[in-house]
Protein backbone atom coordinates (compact mmCIF):
# COMPACT_ATOMS: atom_id res chain seq x y z
CA MET A 1 42.75 68.80 46.59
CA THR A 2 46.27 70.26 46.66
CA GLN A 3 49.45 68.28 46.91
CA LYS A 4 52.05 69.30 49.48
CA ASN A 5 55.71 68.76 48.84
CA ARG A 6 57.18 66.51 51.44
CA VAL A 7 60.71 65.59 52.34
CA TYR A 8 61.47 62.10 53.59
CA PHE A 9 64.61 61.26 55.51
CA VAL A 10 65.84 57.69 55.60
CA ILE A 11 68.34 56.35 58.12
CA ASP A 12 70.32 53.21 57.37
CA MET A 13 69.93 51.70 60.83
CA LYS A 14 72.32 48.89 59.94
CA SER A 15 75.14 51.45 59.77
CA PHE A 16 73.70 54.01 62.18
CA PHE A 17 75.74 52.98 65.23
CA ALA A 18 78.96 53.03 63.19
CA SER A 19 78.06 56.39 61.67
CA VAL A 20 77.46 57.86 65.15
CA GLU A 21 80.85 56.57 66.29
CA CYS A 22 82.52 58.15 63.25
CA ALA A 23 80.71 61.46 63.85
CA GLU A 24 81.80 61.46 67.50
CA ARG A 25 85.41 61.06 66.35
CA GLY A 26 85.20 63.65 63.56
CA LEU A 27 85.60 60.94 60.92
CA ASP A 28 83.77 60.40 57.63
CA ALA A 29 81.75 57.16 57.81
CA MET A 30 81.88 56.91 54.03
CA THR A 31 85.68 56.63 54.05
CA THR A 32 86.51 55.30 57.54
CA ASN A 33 86.68 51.60 58.32
CA LEU A 34 84.96 51.23 61.68
CA VAL A 35 83.04 48.46 63.42
CA VAL A 36 80.96 48.63 66.58
CA ALA A 37 81.81 45.59 68.70
CA ASP A 38 82.92 44.76 72.23
CA LEU A 39 86.56 43.64 72.08
CA GLU A 40 86.41 42.63 75.76
CA ARG A 41 84.41 39.57 74.76
CA SER A 42 86.28 37.59 72.10
CA ASN A 43 86.98 37.55 68.38
CA THR A 44 83.71 35.64 67.95
CA THR A 45 81.73 38.65 69.16
CA ILE A 46 79.18 39.98 66.69
CA CYS A 47 79.74 43.40 65.14
CA LEU A 48 76.61 45.44 65.88
CA ALA A 49 77.35 47.70 62.93
CA VAL A 50 79.96 48.37 60.27
CA SER A 51 80.56 51.71 58.58
CA PRO A 52 79.39 52.29 55.00
CA ALA A 53 83.06 52.26 53.98
CA MET A 54 83.42 48.70 55.26
CA LYS A 55 80.15 47.65 53.64
CA ALA A 56 81.58 48.91 50.35
CA LEU A 57 84.51 46.53 50.88
CA GLY A 58 82.13 43.59 51.27
CA VAL A 59 82.12 43.33 55.07
CA LYS A 60 78.66 42.32 56.22
CA ASN A 61 76.75 43.80 59.14
CA ARG A 62 76.33 41.42 62.02
CA CYS A 63 79.52 39.58 61.07
CA ARG A 64 81.84 38.25 63.72
CA LEU A 65 85.16 39.99 64.27
CA TYR A 66 87.12 37.00 63.00
CA GLU A 67 85.22 37.19 59.69
CA ILE A 68 86.71 40.58 58.85
CA PRO A 69 89.66 40.12 56.45
CA LYS A 70 92.95 40.13 58.36
CA ASP A 71 94.61 42.61 55.98
CA LEU A 72 91.88 45.21 56.49
CA GLU A 73 92.70 48.04 58.92
CA TYR A 74 89.75 49.28 60.94
CA ILE A 75 88.75 50.97 64.18
CA VAL A 76 86.76 49.04 66.78
CA ALA A 77 84.31 51.13 68.80
CA LYS A 78 82.77 49.75 71.98
CA PRO A 79 78.95 49.88 71.77
CA ARG A 80 77.29 52.86 73.46
CA MET A 81 73.56 52.21 73.14
CA LYS A 82 72.49 55.23 75.20
CA LYS A 83 74.44 57.50 72.83
CA TYR A 84 72.78 55.95 69.75
CA ILE A 85 69.33 56.41 71.30
CA GLU A 86 70.13 60.07 72.02
CA TYR A 87 71.25 60.66 68.41
CA ALA A 88 68.19 58.89 67.03
CA ALA A 89 65.86 60.94 69.29
CA GLU A 90 67.45 64.18 68.06
CA ILE A 91 67.00 63.13 64.44
CA TYR A 92 63.39 62.02 64.93
CA ALA A 93 62.60 65.29 66.72
CA ILE A 94 63.38 67.18 63.51
C-alpha cells in the first residue's frame, strides 16, 4: 500500500468572520484590531468574532462590546453572514 501526501487546511472559525472583514478592507487580520458586532444594538451586544490581533491582546471571542478595554482602538464591522458563507464556500470548494 502506498502513502499519498496530503495537505490539510484549517480555518479558525472563531476568527473567520473578523478575518473576512479585514480582507474586504485590505487590512491584515494579524495586525488589525477588528470586532464583528452590531453597534445598532447596544454596548452589551456580543461580538461574533474578534481578529487574531485582538485575541493576541487578550480579548476573548464572544465577549460583549463593553468588555473590550476602553483604551484599545478597534474597528467594529457589522455582521454580514451571507458574505461569510460565500467566503467559506469558496474555500471549501478548493
